[in-house]
Amino acid sequence: MGFIIILLSWVAAAYISVVFAEELQVYQEPEVNATVGDRTRLGCAFNTSSGQVGIGSFKWYRVRSDGKRSEVSNETHPAGVVTSHEFRTNKDASLYLLHPQKYDSGVYYCEVELLSAGRRTGNGTVLAVYQRSKENQDSGSSAHGFDPALLPWIIRLSCLFIFFAVVSLCLFQAKQVERLHEMQKELAKAHRSRRHRRSLH
C-alpha cells in the first residue's frame, strides 16, 4: 500500500511539472550589444496558456566565464539596475543596466515564477559591452550642446567683438570730447559778446 501511495505521488508530481512546463514560457533576446555608459535593456517576456499572470515575480542571474551564477542587483552592479514595472500588465520581465561597463559583458538569464504555473528560466541573453568609439564621443559632445571643433572660431569671434566694442567706445568718447569743446567755444563766444555790449554802453 505504501509503495502505491509513493508511486501515485511521483506520478502526480511528474504530471504537475509537465503541466507547469507547458503553461509557462519565458522568452529572451539572444544577443544584446551595448556601448559603455549607455542605458541598456535586456528584454524578457513570458506567457501562459491561460493568459493569466496572478501572483508572481522575476529575477535575473548572470553566469560568468568561470561558471559562477549571481543574481543581478544594485549590489552586483554598482552603477545601478532597474527592473520592469509592467510584469503583470504587459508580462514584461525586462532588466535595464543604467551605466554598463565592459566588465558587465556576459550571459544573463531571466527567471520568472508564478504561483499558478511554477518557475521557468529563459534561454539566456549574451550581452557584449563595447568601448565608445572616438566618433561616438565626438557626436556625444555635440549632442550635449558643444563641439570642440568650434572652439577656435568662438575665440576669434569673441576677440572681434571685443575689438569693435573698444573702437565704438573710443569713437563715442571722441565725439563727446568734441561736443564739449564746441560747447566751451559757444560759451566763450557768448561771454565775449556780452562784454562787448557792456563796453558800448
C-alpha atoms as a PDB file:
ATOM      1  CA  MET A   1       0.000   0.000   0.000  1.00  0.00           C
ATOM      2  CA  GLY A   2       2.784   2.355   0.904  1.00  0.00           C
ATOM      3  CA  PHE A   3       4.512   1.638  -2.407  1.00  0.00           C
ATOM      4  CA  ILE A   4       1.324   2.516  -4.315  1.00  0.00           C
ATOM      5  CA  ILE A   5       0.995   5.835  -2.454  1.00  0.00           C
ATOM      6  CA  ILE A   6       4.610   6.731  -3.238  1.00  0.00           C
ATOM      7  CA  LEU A   7       4.095   5.762  -6.884  1.00  0.00           C
ATOM      8  CA  LEU A   8       0.938   7.881  -7.154  1.00  0.00           C
ATOM      9  CA  SER A   9       2.703  10.845  -5.544  1.00  0.00           C
ATOM     10  CA  TRP A  10       5.577  10.538  -8.005  1.00  0.00           C
ATOM     11  CA  VAL A  11       3.185  10.353 -10.958  1.00  0.00           C
ATOM     12  CA  ALA A  12       1.240  13.359  -9.674  1.00  0.00           C
ATOM     13  CA  ALA A  13       4.438  15.393  -9.198  1.00  0.00           C
ATOM     14  CA  ALA A  14       5.658  14.461 -12.669  1.00  0.00           C
ATOM     15  CA  TYR A  15       2.278  15.384 -14.161  1.00  0.00           C
ATOM     16  CA  ILE A  16       2.234  18.749 -12.390  1.00  0.00           C
ATOM     17  CA  SER A  17       5.782  19.561 -13.502  1.00  0.00           C
ATOM     18  CA  VAL A  18       4.910  18.740 -17.118  1.00  0.00           C
ATOM     19  CA  VAL A  19       1.767  20.886 -16.960  1.00  0.00           C
ATOM     20  CA  PHE A  20       3.684  23.786 -15.438  1.00  0.00           C
ATOM     21  CA  ALA A  21       6.431  23.465 -18.047  1.00  0.00           C
ATOM     22  CA  GLU A  22       3.853  23.715 -20.811  1.00  0.00           C
ATOM     23  CA  GLU A  23       1.928  26.564 -19.205  1.00  0.00           C
ATOM     24  CA  LEU A  24       4.787  28.986 -18.580  1.00  0.00           C
ATOM     25  CA  GLN A  25       7.126  30.082 -21.356  1.00  0.00           C
ATOM     26  CA  VAL A  26       9.916  32.665 -21.000  1.00  0.00           C
ATOM     27  CA  TYR A  27      11.434  34.471 -23.990  1.00  0.00           C
ATOM     28  CA  GLN A  28      14.727  36.384 -24.032  1.00  0.00           C
ATOM     29  CA  GLU A  29      16.653  38.275 -26.679  1.00  0.00           C
ATOM     30  CA  PRO A  30      19.546  36.029 -27.737  1.00  0.00           C
ATOM     31  CA  GLU A  31      22.101  38.854 -28.067  1.00  0.00           C
ATOM     32  CA  VAL A  32      22.352  42.472 -26.998  1.00  0.00           C
ATOM     33  CA  ASN A  33      25.179  44.850 -27.948  1.00  0.00           C
ATOM     34  CA  ALA A  34      25.752  47.887 -25.763  1.00  0.00           C
ATOM     35  CA  THR A  35      28.073  50.874 -25.506  1.00  0.00           C
ATOM     36  CA  VAL A  36      29.870  51.765 -22.288  1.00  0.00           C
ATOM     37  CA  GLY A  37      27.766  54.200 -20.275  1.00  0.00           C
ATOM     38  CA  ASP A  38      24.571  53.901 -22.341  1.00  0.00           C
ATOM     39  CA  ARG A  39      21.405  52.630 -20.659  1.00  0.00           C
ATOM     40  CA  THR A  40      20.800  49.117 -21.985  1.00  0.00           C
ATOM     41  CA  ARG A  41      17.675  46.955 -21.978  1.00  0.00           C
ATOM     42  CA  LEU A  42      17.796  43.182 -21.640  1.00  0.00           C
ATOM     43  CA  GLY A  43      14.388  42.142 -22.887  1.00  0.00           C
ATOM     44  CA  CYS A  44      12.413  39.331 -21.287  1.00  0.00           C
ATOM     45  CA  ALA A  45       8.758  38.403 -21.851  1.00  0.00           C
ATOM     46  CA  PHE A  46       6.666  35.469 -20.700  1.00  0.00           C
ATOM     47  CA  ASN A  47       3.334  33.856 -21.453  1.00  0.00           C
ATOM     48  CA  THR A  48       0.968  31.289 -20.000  1.00  0.00           C
ATOM     49  CA  SER A  49      -1.518  29.061 -21.740  1.00  0.00           C
ATOM     50  CA  SER A  50      -4.308  30.515 -19.593  1.00  0.00           C
ATOM     51  CA  GLY A  51      -3.231  34.074 -20.308  1.00  0.00           C
ATOM     52  CA  GLN A  52      -3.418  34.919 -16.596  1.00  0.00           C
ATOM     53  CA  VAL A  53      -0.479  36.201 -14.568  1.00  0.00           C
ATOM     54  CA  GLY A  54      -1.726  36.259 -10.993  1.00  0.00           C
ATOM     55  CA  ILE A  55       0.831  36.362  -8.207  1.00  0.00           C
ATOM     56  CA  GLY A  56       4.431  36.113  -9.336  1.00  0.00           C
ATOM     57  CA  SER A  57       7.873  37.647  -9.536  1.00  0.00           C
ATOM     58  CA  PHE A  58      11.040  37.546 -11.605  1.00  0.00           C
ATOM     59  CA  LYS A  59      14.799  37.663 -11.131  1.00  0.00           C
ATOM     60  CA  TRP A  60      17.849  37.999 -13.319  1.00  0.00           C
ATOM     61  CA  TYR A  61      21.041  35.995 -12.975  1.00  0.00           C
ATOM     62  CA  ARG A  62      24.415  36.367 -14.576  1.00  0.00           C
ATOM     63  CA  VAL A  63      26.702  33.443 -15.358  1.00  0.00           C
ATOM     64  CA  ARG A  64      30.364  34.377 -15.570  1.00  0.00           C
ATOM     65  CA  SER A  65      33.005  32.698 -17.672  1.00  0.00           C
ATOM     66  CA  ASP A  66      34.061  30.635 -14.648  1.00  0.00           C
ATOM     67  CA  GLY A  67      30.529  29.233 -14.359  1.00  0.00           C
ATOM     68  CA  LYS A  68      29.577  31.117 -11.201  1.00  0.00           C
ATOM     69  CA  ARG A  69      25.985  32.338 -11.056  1.00  0.00           C
ATOM     70  CA  SER A  70      25.000  35.525  -9.233  1.00  0.00           C
ATOM     71  CA  GLU A  71      21.758  37.449  -9.001  1.00  0.00           C
ATOM     72  CA  VAL A  72      21.828  40.804 -10.794  1.00  0.00           C
ATOM     73  CA  SER A  73      21.106  43.687  -8.426  1.00  0.00           C
ATOM     74  CA  ASN A  74      22.360  47.119  -7.422  1.00  0.00           C
ATOM     75  CA  GLU A  75      24.874  45.338  -5.182  1.00  0.00           C
ATOM     76  CA  THR A  76      26.434  43.357  -8.021  1.00  0.00           C
ATOM     77  CA  HIS A  77      26.163  46.316 -10.439  1.00  0.00           C
ATOM     78  CA  PRO A  78      27.137  49.478  -8.512  1.00  0.00           C
ATOM     79  CA  ALA A  79      26.226  51.692 -11.475  1.00  0.00           C
ATOM     80  CA  GLY A  80      22.609  50.633 -10.972  1.00  0.00           C
ATOM     81  CA  VAL A  81      19.948  48.360 -12.463  1.00  0.00           C
ATOM     82  CA  VAL A  82      16.191  48.808 -12.888  1.00  0.00           C
ATOM     83  CA  THR A  83      13.591  46.089 -13.391  1.00  0.00           C
ATOM     84  CA  SER A  84      10.410  46.475 -15.412  1.00  0.00           C
ATOM     85  CA  HIS A  85       7.258  47.676 -13.639  1.00  0.00           C
ATOM     86  CA  GLU A  86       4.983  46.050 -16.222  1.00  0.00           C
ATOM     87  CA  PHE A  87       5.298  42.477 -15.003  1.00  0.00           C
ATOM     88  CA  ARG A  88       1.571  41.863 -14.547  1.00  0.00           C
ATOM     89  CA  THR A  89       0.176  44.360 -17.052  1.00  0.00           C
ATOM     90  CA  ASN A  90       2.316  43.511 -20.098  1.00  0.00           C
ATOM     91  CA  LYS A  91       4.025  40.282 -18.994  1.00  0.00           C
ATOM     92  CA  ASP A  92       7.318  42.141 -19.171  1.00  0.00           C
ATOM     93  CA  ALA A  93      10.269  40.965 -17.052  1.00  0.00           C
ATOM     94  CA  SER A  94      12.968  43.107 -18.679  1.00  0.00           C
ATOM     95  CA  LEU A  95      16.101  44.379 -16.979  1.00  0.00           C
ATOM     96  CA  TYR A  96      17.816  47.746 -17.544  1.00  0.00           C
ATOM     97  CA  LEU A  97      21.523  48.343 -16.904  1.00  0.00           C
ATOM     98  CA  LEU A  98      21.851  52.071 -16.254  1.00  0.00           C
ATOM     99  CA  HIS A  99      25.582  52.544 -16.975  1.00  0.00           C
ATOM    100  CA  PRO A 100      27.037  49.274 -18.265  1.00  0.00           C
ATOM    101  CA  GLN A 101      30.803  48.793 -18.336  1.00  0.00           C
ATOM    102  CA  LYS A 102      32.939  46.362 -20.312  1.00  0.00           C
ATOM    103  CA  TYR A 103      33.200  44.028 -17.331  1.00  0.00           C
ATOM    104  CA  ASP A 104      29.386  43.677 -17.365  1.00  0.00           C
ATOM    105  CA  SER A 105      29.611  41.561 -20.516  1.00  0.00           C
ATOM    106  CA  GLY A 106      28.365  38.021 -20.010  1.00  0.00           C
ATOM    107  CA  VAL A 107      25.333  35.746 -20.211  1.00  0.00           C
ATOM    108  CA  TYR A 108      22.187  36.889 -18.398  1.00  0.00           C
ATOM    109  CA  TYR A 109      19.233  34.672 -17.534  1.00  0.00           C
ATOM    110  CA  CYS A 110      15.685  35.779 -16.772  1.00  0.00           C
ATOM    111  CA  GLU A 111      13.791  33.636 -14.249  1.00  0.00           C
ATOM    112  CA  VAL A 112      10.021  34.016 -13.929  1.00  0.00           C
ATOM    113  CA  GLU A 113       7.991  32.420 -11.165  1.00  0.00           C
ATOM    114  CA  LEU A 114       4.187  32.325 -10.996  1.00  0.00           C
ATOM    115  CA  LEU A 115       2.179  30.862  -8.170  1.00  0.00           C
ATOM    116  CA  SER A 116      -0.185  29.215 -10.644  1.00  0.00           C
ATOM    117  CA  ALA A 117       2.383  27.996 -13.155  1.00  0.00           C
ATOM    118  CA  GLY A 118       5.676  27.322 -11.380  1.00  0.00           C
ATOM    119  CA  ARG A 119       9.123  28.589 -12.304  1.00  0.00           C
ATOM    120  CA  ARG A 120      10.849  28.853 -15.672  1.00  0.00           C
ATOM    121  CA  THR A 121      14.175  30.316 -16.837  1.00  0.00           C
ATOM    122  CA  GLY A 122      14.810  31.740 -20.300  1.00  0.00           C
ATOM    123  CA  ASN A 123      17.486  30.571 -22.701  1.00  0.00           C
ATOM    124  CA  GLY A 124      19.795  33.434 -21.816  1.00  0.00           C
ATOM    125  CA  THR A 125      20.953  36.706 -23.348  1.00  0.00           C
ATOM    126  CA  VAL A 126      24.570  37.276 -24.370  1.00  0.00           C
ATOM    127  CA  LEU A 127      25.483  40.872 -23.505  1.00  0.00           C
ATOM    128  CA  ALA A 128      28.513  42.422 -25.197  1.00  0.00           C
ATOM    129  CA  VAL A 129      29.565  45.881 -23.943  1.00  0.00           C
ATOM    130  CA  TYR A 130      31.910  47.806 -26.227  1.00  0.00           C
ATOM    131  CA  GLN A 131      34.051  50.853 -25.594  1.00  0.00           C
ATOM    132  CA  ARG A 132      32.681  54.056 -27.092  1.00  0.00           C
ATOM    133  CA  SER A 133      34.448  54.916 -30.363  1.00  0.00           C
ATOM    134  CA  LYS A 134      36.039  58.329 -30.978  1.00  0.00           C
ATOM    135  CA  GLU A 135      33.313  59.198 -33.491  1.00  0.00           C
ATOM    136  CA  ASN A 136      30.633  58.441 -30.897  1.00  0.00           C
ATOM    137  CA  GLN A 137      32.466  60.509 -28.299  1.00  0.00           C
ATOM    138  CA  ASP A 138      32.566  63.478 -30.686  1.00  0.00           C
ATOM    139  CA  SER A 139      28.898  63.084 -31.567  1.00  0.00           C
ATOM    140  CA  GLY A 140      28.081  62.723 -27.890  1.00  0.00           C
ATOM    141  CA  SER A 141      29.822  66.023 -27.161  1.00  0.00           C
ATOM    142  CA  SER A 142      27.890  67.694 -29.969  1.00  0.00           C
ATOM    143  CA  ALA A 143      24.629  66.230 -28.704  1.00  0.00           C
ATOM    144  CA  HIS A 144      25.230  67.877 -25.330  1.00  0.00           C
ATOM    145  CA  GLY A 145      25.478  71.300 -26.989  1.00  0.00           C
ATOM    146  CA  PHE A 146      29.233  71.785 -27.512  1.00  0.00           C
ATOM    147  CA  ASP A 147      31.536  70.780 -30.328  1.00  0.00           C
ATOM    148  CA  PRO A 148      35.266  71.142 -29.502  1.00  0.00           C
ATOM    149  CA  ALA A 149      35.994  71.894 -33.181  1.00  0.00           C
ATOM    150  CA  LEU A 150      34.106  75.200 -32.809  1.00  0.00           C
ATOM    151  CA  LEU A 151      36.350  76.467 -30.005  1.00  0.00           C
ATOM    152  CA  PRO A 152      38.882  78.336 -32.269  1.00  0.00           C
ATOM    153  CA  TRP A 153      36.035  80.096 -34.087  1.00  0.00           C
ATOM    154  CA  ILE A 154      34.396  81.058 -30.809  1.00  0.00           C
ATOM    155  CA  ILE A 155      37.680  82.618 -29.619  1.00  0.00           C
ATOM    156  CA  ARG A 156      38.115  84.548 -32.892  1.00  0.00           C
ATOM    157  CA  LEU A 157      34.563  85.881 -32.833  1.00  0.00           C
ATOM    158  CA  SER A 158      34.957  86.886 -29.192  1.00  0.00           C
ATOM    159  CA  CYS A 159      38.166  88.822 -29.961  1.00  0.00           C
ATOM    160  CA  LEU A 160      36.489  90.505 -32.952  1.00  0.00           C
ATOM    161  CA  PHE A 161      33.512  91.501 -30.824  1.00  0.00           C
ATOM    162  CA  ILE A 162      35.784  92.971 -28.127  1.00  0.00           C
ATOM    163  CA  PHE A 163      37.766  94.918 -30.784  1.00  0.00           C
ATOM    164  CA  PHE A 164      34.634  96.507 -32.259  1.00  0.00           C
ATOM    165  CA  ALA A 165      33.321  97.276 -28.776  1.00  0.00           C
ATOM    166  CA  VAL A 166      36.557  99.103 -27.856  1.00  0.00           C
ATOM    167  CA  VAL A 167      36.589 101.030 -31.161  1.00  0.00           C
ATOM    168  CA  SER A 168      32.953 102.059 -30.706  1.00  0.00           C
ATOM    169  CA  LEU A 169      33.666 103.237 -27.167  1.00  0.00           C
ATOM    170  CA  CYS A 170      36.666 105.290 -28.319  1.00  0.00           C
ATOM    171  CA  LEU A 171      34.639 106.935 -31.110  1.00  0.00           C
ATOM    172  CA  PHE A 172      31.840 107.719 -28.671  1.00  0.00           C
ATOM    173  CA  GLN A 173      34.252 109.340 -26.218  1.00  0.00           C
ATOM    174  CA  ALA A 174      35.901 111.315 -29.032  1.00  0.00           C
ATOM    175  CA  LYS A 175      32.517 112.696 -30.091  1.00  0.00           C
ATOM    176  CA  GLN A 176      31.714 113.599 -26.510  1.00  0.00           C
ATOM    177  CA  VAL A 177      35.025 115.498 -26.160  1.00  0.00           C
ATOM    178  CA  GLU A 178      34.445 117.288 -29.477  1.00  0.00           C
ATOM    179  CA  ARG A 179      30.944 118.247 -28.403  1.00  0.00           C
ATOM    180  CA  LEU A 180      32.298 119.541 -25.069  1.00  0.00           C
ATOM    181  CA  HIS A 181      34.840 121.698 -26.882  1.00  0.00           C
ATOM    182  CA  GLU A 182      32.127 123.139 -29.120  1.00  0.00           C
ATOM    183  CA  MET A 183      30.013 123.973 -26.066  1.00  0.00           C
ATOM    184  CA  GLN A 184      33.008 125.689 -24.433  1.00  0.00           C
ATOM    185  CA  LYS A 185      33.571 127.726 -27.627  1.00  0.00           C
ATOM    186  CA  GLU A 186      29.919 128.751 -27.706  1.00  0.00           C
ATOM    187  CA  LEU A 187      30.064 129.796 -24.052  1.00  0.00           C
ATOM    188  CA  ALA A 188      33.263 131.775 -24.621  1.00  0.00           C
ATOM    189  CA  LYS A 189      31.767 133.487 -27.687  1.00  0.00           C
ATOM    190  CA  ALA A 190      28.598 134.398 -25.763  1.00  0.00           C
ATOM    191  CA  HIS A 191      30.723 135.776 -22.894  1.00  0.00           C
ATOM    192  CA  ARG A 192      32.761 137.976 -25.238  1.00  0.00           C
ATOM    193  CA  SER A 193      29.563 139.223 -26.867  1.00  0.00           C
ATOM    194  CA  ARG A 194      28.147 140.297 -23.507  1.00  0.00           C
ATOM    195  CA  ARG A 195      31.378 142.087 -22.581  1.00  0.00           C
ATOM    196  CA  HIS A 196      31.359 143.867 -25.925  1.00  0.00           C
ATOM    197  CA  ARG A 197      27.785 145.105 -25.414  1.00  0.00           C
ATOM    198  CA  ARG A 198      28.630 146.385 -21.923  1.00  0.00           C
ATOM    199  CA  SER A 199      31.629 148.259 -23.198  1.00  0.00           C
ATOM    200  CA  LEU A 200      29.452 150.051 -25.776  1.00  0.00           C
ATOM    201  CA  HIS A 201      27.130 151.261 -23.008  1.00  0.00           C
END
